[in-house]
């Protein structure tokens, strides 16, 4: 993810989509890994901000993070996410579906 979008809730919107797919697939936890590099310093607290819990850290300060899917709180984001693929509505199908529900 580009550093230009960090802090604008795009990361939360992406996580919400991942959580939806995980729930639908019966996945119980998400696992993330942080590897410290000069370029990654900007996101050292990224997983913590998204609600992940640190489960391991080695001598190089690389860390492993987990998020229990059923415990993840929904996050309201100031954007509409339109997914394509993964068995969800495409942009055109979403718009067509939305038109059917307008009173």
N, C-alpha and C. Protein backbone atom coordinates (compact mmCIF):
# COMPACT_ATOMS: atom_id res chain seq x y z
N UNK A 1 0.85 -1.17 0.00
CA UNK A 1 0.00 0.00 0.00
C UNK A 1 0.90 1.23 0.00
N UNK A 2 0.55 2.19 -0.77
CA UNK A 2 1.33 3.41 -0.88
C UNK A 2 1.28 4.22 0.42
N UNK A 3 2.41 4.82 0.77
CA UNK A 3 2.45 5.66 1.97
C UNK A 3 1.54 6.88 1.82
N UNK A 4 1.19 7.23 0.58
CA UNK A 4 0.32 8.40 0.35
C UNK A 4 -1.09 8.20 0.88
N UNK A 5 -1.52 6.95 1.04
CA UNK A 5 -2.88 6.70 1.52
C UNK A 5 -2.94 6.34 2.99
N UNK A 6 -1.81 6.07 3.61
CA UNK A 6 -1.80 5.72 5.03
C UNK A 6 -2.32 6.89 5.85
N UNK A 7 -3.16 6.58 6.82
CA UNK A 7 -3.73 7.62 7.67
C UNK A 7 -5.01 8.21 7.11
N UNK A 8 -5.44 7.74 5.93
CA UNK A 8 -6.68 8.24 5.33
C UNK A 8 -7.79 7.19 5.39
N UNK A 9 -7.59 6.20 6.23
CA UNK A 9 -8.52 5.11 6.51
C UNK A 9 -8.62 4.08 5.38
N UNK A 10 -7.74 4.16 4.39
CA UNK A 10 -7.74 3.15 3.33
C UNK A 10 -7.33 1.81 3.91
N UNK A 11 -6.36 1.82 4.83
CA UNK A 11 -5.91 0.57 5.43
C UNK A 11 -7.05 -0.10 6.22
N UNK A 12 -7.90 0.70 6.88
CA UNK A 12 -9.05 0.15 7.59
C UNK A 12 -10.08 -0.41 6.61
N UNK A 13 -10.29 0.28 5.50
CA UNK A 13 -11.23 -0.19 4.49
C UNK A 13 -10.76 -1.51 3.90
N UNK A 14 -9.48 -1.62 3.62
CA UNK A 14 -8.93 -2.86 3.07
C UNK A 14 -9.09 -3.98 4.10
N UNK A 15 -8.78 -3.70 5.36
CA UNK A 15 -8.93 -4.71 6.40
C UNK A 15 -10.37 -5.18 6.51
N UNK A 16 -11.33 -4.26 6.41
CA UNK A 16 -12.74 -4.66 6.49
C UNK A 16 -13.09 -5.64 5.37
N UNK A 17 -12.57 -5.40 4.18
CA UNK A 17 -12.83 -6.31 3.06
C UNK A 17 -12.18 -7.67 3.30
N UNK A 18 -10.97 -7.66 3.81
CA UNK A 18 -10.28 -8.91 4.11
C UNK A 18 -11.06 -9.69 5.17
N UNK A 19 -11.54 -8.98 6.20
CA UNK A 19 -12.31 -9.64 7.26
C UNK A 19 -13.61 -10.24 6.72
N UNK A 20 -14.28 -9.53 5.82
CA UNK A 20 -15.50 -10.07 5.22
C UNK A 20 -15.22 -11.37 4.49
N UNK A 21 -14.17 -11.37 3.69
CA UNK A 21 -13.81 -12.58 2.94
C UNK A 21 -13.38 -13.69 3.89
N UNK A 22 -12.65 -13.34 4.94
CA UNK A 22 -12.19 -14.34 5.91
C UNK A 22 -13.39 -14.98 6.60
N UNK A 23 -14.34 -14.17 7.04
CA UNK A 23 -15.54 -14.72 7.69
C UNK A 23 -16.29 -15.66 6.75
N UNK A 24 -16.44 -15.23 5.50
CA UNK A 24 -17.14 -16.06 4.52
C UNK A 24 -16.44 -17.37 4.22
N UNK A 25 -15.12 -17.38 4.38
CA UNK A 25 -14.33 -18.59 4.09
C UNK A 25 -14.08 -19.42 5.34
N UNK A 26 -14.59 -18.98 6.49
CA UNK A 26 -14.39 -19.73 7.72
C UNK A 26 -13.01 -19.57 8.33
N UNK A 27 -12.30 -18.53 7.94
CA UNK A 27 -10.96 -18.27 8.49
C UNK A 27 -11.13 -17.63 9.87
N UNK A 28 -10.41 -18.12 10.85
CA UNK A 28 -10.60 -17.66 12.22
C UNK A 28 -9.61 -16.59 12.67
N UNK A 29 -8.47 -16.49 12.01
CA UNK A 29 -7.51 -15.46 12.42
C UNK A 29 -6.68 -15.02 11.21
N UNK A 30 -6.25 -13.77 11.28
CA UNK A 30 -5.35 -13.21 10.27
C UNK A 30 -3.98 -13.08 10.92
N UNK A 31 -2.95 -13.33 10.15
CA UNK A 31 -1.58 -13.25 10.65
C UNK A 31 -0.81 -12.26 9.77
N UNK A 32 -0.08 -11.37 10.42
CA UNK A 32 0.76 -10.41 9.71
C UNK A 32 2.17 -10.46 10.24
N UNK A 33 3.12 -10.11 9.39
CA UNK A 33 4.52 -10.05 9.81
C UNK A 33 5.08 -8.68 9.49
N UNK A 34 5.80 -8.14 10.44
CA UNK A 34 6.49 -6.87 10.25
C UNK A 34 7.99 -7.13 10.25
N UNK A 35 8.64 -6.69 9.19
CA UNK A 35 10.10 -6.80 9.10
C UNK A 35 10.67 -5.38 9.10
N UNK A 36 11.46 -5.05 10.11
CA UNK A 36 12.00 -3.69 10.19
C UNK A 36 13.04 -3.41 9.11
N UNK A 37 12.77 -2.40 8.32
CA UNK A 37 13.73 -1.90 7.34
C UNK A 37 13.61 -0.38 7.35
N UNK A 38 14.52 0.31 6.71
CA UNK A 38 14.42 1.76 6.64
C UNK A 38 13.09 2.20 6.02
N UNK A 39 12.66 1.49 4.99
CA UNK A 39 11.41 1.85 4.30
C UNK A 39 10.18 1.52 5.14
N UNK A 40 10.28 0.55 6.04
CA UNK A 40 9.12 0.13 6.83
C UNK A 40 8.95 0.91 8.14
N UNK A 41 9.86 1.78 8.46
CA UNK A 41 9.75 2.54 9.73
C UNK A 41 8.42 3.27 9.84
N UNK A 42 7.90 3.73 8.73
CA UNK A 42 6.64 4.47 8.72
C UNK A 42 5.47 3.65 9.26
N UNK A 43 5.55 2.32 9.12
CA UNK A 43 4.42 1.46 9.52
C UNK A 43 4.75 0.54 10.68
N UNK A 44 5.69 0.94 11.52
CA UNK A 44 6.09 0.11 12.65
C UNK A 44 4.90 -0.23 13.56
N UNK A 45 3.92 0.68 13.66
CA UNK A 45 2.76 0.44 14.53
C UNK A 45 1.48 0.12 13.73
N UNK A 46 1.65 -0.20 12.47
CA UNK A 46 0.52 -0.44 11.57
C UNK A 46 -0.42 -1.54 12.08
N UNK A 47 0.11 -2.69 12.41
CA UNK A 47 -0.74 -3.79 12.87
C UNK A 47 -1.43 -3.44 14.19
N UNK A 48 -0.72 -2.83 15.10
CA UNK A 48 -1.33 -2.46 16.39
C UNK A 48 -2.51 -1.50 16.17
N UNK A 49 -2.34 -0.53 15.28
CA UNK A 49 -3.42 0.42 15.00
C UNK A 49 -4.65 -0.25 14.41
N UNK A 50 -4.44 -1.39 13.73
CA UNK A 50 -5.55 -2.11 13.12
C UNK A 50 -6.16 -3.16 14.05
N UNK A 51 -5.67 -3.24 15.29
CA UNK A 51 -6.25 -4.14 16.26
C UNK A 51 -5.57 -5.49 16.39
N UNK A 52 -4.47 -5.70 15.66
CA UNK A 52 -3.73 -6.95 15.77
C UNK A 52 -2.97 -6.98 17.09
N UNK A 53 -2.69 -8.17 17.58
CA UNK A 53 -1.93 -8.37 18.82
C UNK A 53 -0.59 -8.99 18.46
N UNK A 54 0.48 -8.42 19.02
CA UNK A 54 1.82 -8.98 18.75
C UNK A 54 1.95 -10.32 19.47
N UNK A 55 2.35 -11.35 18.72
CA UNK A 55 2.48 -12.68 19.30
C UNK A 55 3.93 -13.14 19.37
N UNK A 56 4.82 -12.44 18.68
CA UNK A 56 6.22 -12.85 18.69
C UNK A 56 7.09 -11.72 18.16
N UNK A 57 8.33 -11.68 18.64
CA UNK A 57 9.31 -10.72 18.13
C UNK A 57 10.67 -11.36 18.28
N UNK A 58 11.51 -11.25 17.24
CA UNK A 58 12.83 -11.86 17.33
C UNK A 58 13.90 -10.79 17.59
N UNK A 59 15.15 -11.21 17.64
CA UNK A 59 16.26 -10.31 17.96
C UNK A 59 16.41 -9.17 16.95
N UNK A 60 15.97 -9.40 15.70
CA UNK A 60 16.06 -8.35 14.68
C UNK A 60 14.89 -7.38 14.75
N UNK A 61 13.99 -7.60 15.72
CA UNK A 61 12.77 -6.83 15.92
C UNK A 61 11.70 -7.11 14.87
N UNK A 62 11.90 -8.18 14.08
CA UNK A 62 10.82 -8.64 13.21
C UNK A 62 9.74 -9.19 14.13
N UNK A 63 8.48 -8.94 13.78
CA UNK A 63 7.41 -9.36 14.67
C UNK A 63 6.28 -10.04 13.90
N UNK A 64 5.53 -10.82 14.66
CA UNK A 64 4.37 -11.55 14.13
C UNK A 64 3.14 -11.03 14.86
N UNK A 65 2.07 -10.80 14.12
CA UNK A 65 0.86 -10.21 14.67
C UNK A 65 -0.34 -11.05 14.28
N UNK A 66 -1.35 -11.11 15.15
CA UNK A 66 -2.56 -11.87 14.86
C UNK A 66 -3.81 -11.06 15.19
N UNK A 67 -4.84 -11.29 14.41
CA UNK A 67 -6.15 -10.68 14.66
C UNK A 67 -7.18 -11.80 14.60
N UNK A 68 -7.92 -11.99 15.68
CA UNK A 68 -8.99 -12.99 15.72
C UNK A 68 -10.17 -12.41 14.95
N UNK A 69 -10.56 -13.08 13.89
CA UNK A 69 -11.58 -12.56 12.98
C UNK A 69 -12.89 -12.26 13.70
N UNK A 70 -13.38 -13.19 14.53
CA UNK A 70 -14.68 -12.98 15.19
C UNK A 70 -14.65 -11.83 16.19
N UNK A 71 -13.47 -11.47 16.69
CA UNK A 71 -13.36 -10.38 17.67
C UNK A 71 -13.11 -9.02 17.04
N UNK A 72 -12.87 -8.99 15.74
CA UNK A 72 -12.53 -7.72 15.07
C UNK A 72 -13.76 -6.81 15.03
N UNK A 73 -13.58 -5.61 15.50
CA UNK A 73 -14.66 -4.63 15.52
C UNK A 73 -14.82 -3.99 14.14
N UNK A 74 -16.06 -3.80 13.69
CA UNK A 74 -16.26 -3.10 12.42
C UNK A 74 -15.76 -1.66 12.53
N UNK A 75 -15.19 -1.17 11.47
CA UNK A 75 -14.66 0.19 11.44
C UNK A 75 -15.42 0.96 10.36
N UNK A 76 -15.95 2.12 10.71
CA UNK A 76 -16.63 2.97 9.74
C UNK A 76 -15.58 3.76 8.99
N UNK A 77 -15.64 3.72 7.68
CA UNK A 77 -14.67 4.45 6.86
C UNK A 77 -15.41 5.44 5.97
N UNK A 78 -14.77 6.57 5.66
CA UNK A 78 -15.44 7.62 4.88
C UNK A 78 -15.35 7.39 3.37
N UNK A 79 -15.59 6.14 2.94
CA UNK A 79 -15.51 5.84 1.51
C UNK A 79 -16.34 4.60 1.23
N UNK A 80 -16.67 4.43 -0.02
CA UNK A 80 -17.38 3.23 -0.45
C UNK A 80 -16.36 2.34 -1.17
N UNK A 81 -16.31 1.09 -0.76
CA UNK A 81 -15.38 0.14 -1.37
C UNK A 81 -16.14 -0.70 -2.38
N UNK A 82 -15.64 -0.74 -3.59
CA UNK A 82 -16.23 -1.58 -4.63
C UNK A 82 -15.20 -2.64 -4.97
N UNK A 83 -15.56 -3.89 -4.75
CA UNK A 83 -14.65 -5.00 -4.99
C UNK A 83 -14.92 -5.63 -6.34
N UNK A 84 -13.88 -6.13 -6.94
CA UNK A 84 -14.03 -6.91 -8.16
C UNK A 84 -13.32 -8.23 -7.95
N UNK A 85 -13.98 -9.31 -8.27
CA UNK A 85 -13.41 -10.62 -8.08
C UNK A 85 -13.81 -11.20 -6.74
N UNK A 86 -13.28 -12.33 -6.42
CA UNK A 86 -13.54 -13.01 -5.15
C UNK A 86 -15.01 -13.27 -4.91
N UNK A 87 -15.81 -13.34 -5.98
CA UNK A 87 -17.22 -13.68 -5.81
C UNK A 87 -18.07 -12.55 -5.26
N UNK A 88 -17.58 -11.33 -5.33
CA UNK A 88 -18.38 -10.20 -4.87
C UNK A 88 -18.82 -9.39 -6.08
N UNK A 89 -19.68 -8.42 -5.85
CA UNK A 89 -20.20 -7.61 -6.94
C UNK A 89 -19.10 -6.77 -7.60
N UNK A 90 -19.12 -6.71 -8.91
CA UNK A 90 -18.21 -5.82 -9.63
C UNK A 90 -18.77 -4.41 -9.54
N UNK A 91 -18.01 -3.44 -9.97
CA UNK A 91 -18.46 -2.05 -9.92
C UNK A 91 -19.79 -1.84 -10.63
N UNK A 92 -19.93 -2.38 -11.87
CA UNK A 92 -21.18 -2.21 -12.62
C UNK A 92 -22.33 -2.95 -11.94
N UNK A 93 -22.06 -4.16 -11.47
CA UNK A 93 -23.11 -4.94 -10.79
C UNK A 93 -23.53 -4.25 -9.50
N UNK A 94 -22.58 -3.65 -8.79
CA UNK A 94 -22.89 -2.93 -7.56
C UNK A 94 -23.82 -1.77 -7.86
N UNK A 95 -23.51 -0.99 -8.90
CA UNK A 95 -24.34 0.16 -9.26
C UNK A 95 -25.73 -0.30 -9.69
N UNK A 96 -25.81 -1.37 -10.46
CA UNK A 96 -27.10 -1.89 -10.90
C UNK A 96 -27.91 -2.36 -9.69
N UNK A 97 -27.26 -3.05 -8.77
CA UNK A 97 -27.92 -3.53 -7.57
C UNK A 97 -28.40 -2.34 -6.72
N UNK A 98 -27.57 -1.32 -6.60
CA UNK A 98 -27.92 -0.14 -5.80
C UNK A 98 -29.13 0.56 -6.40
N UNK A 99 -29.23 0.62 -7.73
CA UNK A 99 -30.37 1.27 -8.39
C UNK A 99 -31.68 0.54 -8.09
N UNK A 100 -31.63 -0.77 -7.93
CA UNK A 100 -32.82 -1.55 -7.62
C UNK A 100 -33.33 -1.26 -6.22
N UNK A 101 -32.46 -0.79 -5.33
CA UNK A 101 -32.84 -0.58 -3.94
C UNK A 101 -33.16 0.89 -3.63
N UNK A 102 -33.12 1.74 -4.65
CA UNK A 102 -33.43 3.16 -4.45
C UNK A 102 -34.94 3.33 -4.53
N UNK A 103 -35.51 4.03 -3.53
CA UNK A 103 -36.98 4.20 -3.56
C UNK A 103 -37.37 5.40 -4.37
